[in-house]
């Protein structure tokens, strides 16, 4: 159950990052409200995942790592942002790091 709520945490946080882009610096009401709601939801889900026994450091590292990777890919595909080779290598290292955290828990 902890990982289900961690997944909901990541989905909510990524949604918040995306809606914050559409809020234009919190100048647009609906995207701004959506951002606030889903960011609060992300911390709510994270708190629940901790109640189910998820280690806070590992959970937060996985949340941050997967969030960074998903947002970078989303920006590349939908916002026409670009990634340099160094940034792509950095993302690969994040993925390797998240896998190492998971394997270390076994």
C-alpha atoms as a PDB file:
ATOM      1  CA  UNK A   1       0.000   0.000   0.000  1.00  0.00           C
ATOM      2  CA  UNK A   2       2.869   2.380   0.715  1.00  0.00           C
ATOM      3  CA  UNK A   3       3.976   2.307  -2.908  1.00  0.00           C
ATOM      4  CA  UNK A   4       0.424   2.869  -4.164  1.00  0.00           C
ATOM      5  CA  UNK A   5       0.265   6.088  -2.152  1.00  0.00           C
ATOM      6  CA  UNK A   6       3.785   7.004  -3.244  1.00  0.00           C
ATOM      7  CA  UNK A   7       2.628   6.620  -6.866  1.00  0.00           C
ATOM      8  CA  UNK A   8      -0.337   8.905  -6.127  1.00  0.00           C
ATOM      9  CA  UNK A   9       2.122  11.345  -4.535  1.00  0.00           C
ATOM     10  CA  UNK A  10       4.221  11.430  -7.688  1.00  0.00           C
ATOM     11  CA  UNK A  11       1.219  11.768 -10.003  1.00  0.00           C
ATOM     12  CA  UNK A  12      -0.167  14.647  -7.945  1.00  0.00           C
ATOM     13  CA  UNK A  13       3.191  16.430  -7.746  1.00  0.00           C
ATOM     14  CA  UNK A  14       3.857  16.085 -11.471  1.00  0.00           C
ATOM     15  CA  UNK A  15       0.357  17.367 -12.163  1.00  0.00           C
ATOM     16  CA  UNK A  16       1.085  20.324  -9.885  1.00  0.00           C
ATOM     17  CA  UNK A  17       4.288  21.131 -11.731  1.00  0.00           C
ATOM     18  CA  UNK A  18       2.481  21.016 -15.064  1.00  0.00           C
ATOM     19  CA  UNK A  19      -0.467  23.121 -13.911  1.00  0.00           C
ATOM     20  CA  UNK A  20       1.919  25.665 -12.422  1.00  0.00           C
ATOM     21  CA  UNK A  21       3.316  26.147 -15.930  1.00  0.00           C
ATOM     22  CA  UNK A  22      -0.190  26.954 -17.170  1.00  0.00           C
ATOM     23  CA  UNK A  23      -0.899  29.294 -14.232  1.00  0.00           C
ATOM     24  CA  UNK A  24       1.472  31.913 -15.706  1.00  0.00           C
ATOM     25  CA  UNK A  25       2.968  32.802 -12.349  1.00  0.00           C
ATOM     26  CA  UNK A  26      -0.325  32.290 -10.508  1.00  0.00           C
ATOM     27  CA  UNK A  27      -2.018  34.924 -12.674  1.00  0.00           C
ATOM     28  CA  UNK A  28      -4.619  32.502 -14.072  1.00  0.00           C
ATOM     29  CA  UNK A  29      -7.160  31.400 -11.478  1.00  0.00           C
ATOM     30  CA  UNK A  30      -8.074  27.834 -12.487  1.00  0.00           C
ATOM     31  CA  UNK A  31      -4.556  26.530 -13.154  1.00  0.00           C
ATOM     32  CA  UNK A  32      -3.411  28.243  -9.943  1.00  0.00           C
ATOM     33  CA  UNK A  33      -6.133  26.577  -7.883  1.00  0.00           C
ATOM     34  CA  UNK A  34      -5.393  23.227  -9.524  1.00  0.00           C
ATOM     35  CA  UNK A  35      -1.708  23.643  -8.671  1.00  0.00           C
ATOM     36  CA  UNK A  36      -2.420  24.371  -5.018  1.00  0.00           C
ATOM     37  CA  UNK A  37      -4.893  21.503  -4.674  1.00  0.00           C
ATOM     38  CA  UNK A  38      -2.704  18.820  -6.244  1.00  0.00           C
ATOM     39  CA  UNK A  39       0.441  19.920  -4.413  1.00  0.00           C
ATOM     40  CA  UNK A  40      -1.426  19.663  -1.111  1.00  0.00           C
ATOM     41  CA  UNK A  41      -2.748  16.276  -2.272  1.00  0.00           C
ATOM     42  CA  UNK A  42       0.790  15.108  -3.033  1.00  0.00           C
ATOM     43  CA  UNK A  43       1.914  15.767   0.530  1.00  0.00           C
ATOM     44  CA  UNK A  44      -1.264  14.166   1.852  1.00  0.00           C
ATOM     45  CA  UNK A  45      -0.554  10.988  -0.134  1.00  0.00           C
ATOM     46  CA  UNK A  46       3.083  11.035   0.948  1.00  0.00           C
ATOM     47  CA  UNK A  47       2.041  11.233   4.595  1.00  0.00           C
ATOM     48  CA  UNK A  48      -0.219   8.225   4.101  1.00  0.00           C
ATOM     49  CA  UNK A  49       2.587   6.277   2.409  1.00  0.00           C
ATOM     50  CA  UNK A  50       4.732   6.961   5.485  1.00  0.00           C
ATOM     51  CA  UNK A  51       1.972   5.587   7.712  1.00  0.00           C
ATOM     52  CA  UNK A  52       2.180   2.355   5.707  1.00  0.00           C
ATOM     53  CA  UNK A  53       5.842   2.034   6.619  1.00  0.00           C
ATOM     54  CA  UNK A  54       7.674   3.739   3.771  1.00  0.00           C
ATOM     55  CA  UNK A  55      11.077   5.056   4.847  1.00  0.00           C
ATOM     56  CA  UNK A  56      10.911   8.868   4.614  1.00  0.00           C
ATOM     57  CA  UNK A  57      14.351   9.313   3.059  1.00  0.00           C
ATOM     58  CA  UNK A  58      13.917   6.572   0.496  1.00  0.00           C
ATOM     59  CA  UNK A  59      10.359   7.620  -0.266  1.00  0.00           C
ATOM     60  CA  UNK A  60      11.290  11.241  -0.756  1.00  0.00           C
ATOM     61  CA  UNK A  61      14.266  10.315  -2.945  1.00  0.00           C
ATOM     62  CA  UNK A  62      12.078   8.125  -5.156  1.00  0.00           C
ATOM     63  CA  UNK A  63       9.399  10.829  -5.308  1.00  0.00           C
ATOM     64  CA  UNK A  64      11.903  13.513  -6.289  1.00  0.00           C
ATOM     65  CA  UNK A  65      13.813  11.320  -8.722  1.00  0.00           C
ATOM     66  CA  UNK A  66      10.834   9.995 -10.616  1.00  0.00           C
ATOM     67  CA  UNK A  67       9.221  13.440 -10.576  1.00  0.00           C
ATOM     68  CA  UNK A  68      12.291  15.049 -12.146  1.00  0.00           C
ATOM     69  CA  UNK A  69      12.484  12.415 -14.868  1.00  0.00           C
ATOM     70  CA  UNK A  70       8.771  12.590 -15.727  1.00  0.00           C
ATOM     71  CA  UNK A  71       8.733  16.400 -15.801  1.00  0.00           C
ATOM     72  CA  UNK A  72      11.854  16.517 -17.981  1.00  0.00           C
ATOM     73  CA  UNK A  73      10.289  14.095 -20.460  1.00  0.00           C
ATOM     74  CA  UNK A  74       6.965  15.949 -20.359  1.00  0.00           C
ATOM     75  CA  UNK A  75       8.720  19.258 -21.020  1.00  0.00           C
ATOM     76  CA  UNK A  76      10.591  17.716 -23.918  1.00  0.00           C
ATOM     77  CA  UNK A  77       7.466  16.253 -25.509  1.00  0.00           C
ATOM     78  CA  UNK A  78       4.811  18.872 -24.813  1.00  0.00           C
ATOM     79  CA  UNK A  79       6.541  22.179 -24.043  1.00  0.00           C
ATOM     80  CA  UNK A  80       9.184  21.930 -26.768  1.00  0.00           C
ATOM     81  CA  UNK A  81      11.961  22.197 -24.195  1.00  0.00           C
ATOM     82  CA  UNK A  82      15.304  20.606 -24.946  1.00  0.00           C
ATOM     83  CA  UNK A  83      17.819  18.539 -23.021  1.00  0.00           C
ATOM     84  CA  UNK A  84      21.559  18.649 -23.495  1.00  0.00           C
ATOM     85  CA  UNK A  85      23.621  15.475 -23.493  1.00  0.00           C
ATOM     86  CA  UNK A  86      24.793  16.252 -19.964  1.00  0.00           C
ATOM     87  CA  UNK A  87      21.184  16.633 -18.820  1.00  0.00           C
ATOM     88  CA  UNK A  88      20.233  13.322 -20.439  1.00  0.00           C
ATOM     89  CA  UNK A  89      23.148  11.657 -18.629  1.00  0.00           C
ATOM     90  CA  UNK A  90      21.964  13.266 -15.410  1.00  0.00           C
ATOM     91  CA  UNK A  91      18.477  11.872 -15.902  1.00  0.00           C
ATOM     92  CA  UNK A  92      19.992   8.442 -16.563  1.00  0.00           C
ATOM     93  CA  UNK A  93      21.926   8.713 -13.297  1.00  0.00           C
ATOM     94  CA  UNK A  94      18.726   9.628 -11.450  1.00  0.00           C
ATOM     95  CA  UNK A  95      17.034   6.533 -12.875  1.00  0.00           C
ATOM     96  CA  UNK A  96      19.991   4.366 -11.840  1.00  0.00           C
ATOM     97  CA  UNK A  97      19.896   5.955  -8.381  1.00  0.00           C
ATOM     98  CA  UNK A  98      16.186   5.228  -7.912  1.00  0.00           C
ATOM     99  CA  UNK A  99      16.753   1.617  -9.000  1.00  0.00           C
ATOM    100  CA  UNK A 100      19.658   1.331  -6.548  1.00  0.00           C
ATOM    101  CA  UNK A 101      17.435   2.631  -3.745  1.00  0.00           C
ATOM    102  CA  UNK A 102      14.828   0.016  -4.581  1.00  0.00           C
ATOM    103  CA  UNK A 103      17.350  -2.808  -4.830  1.00  0.00           C
ATOM    104  CA  UNK A 104      18.875  -1.758  -1.524  1.00  0.00           C
ATOM    105  CA  UNK A 105      15.516  -2.295   0.160  1.00  0.00           C
ATOM    106  CA  UNK A 106      15.329  -5.934  -0.882  1.00  0.00           C
END
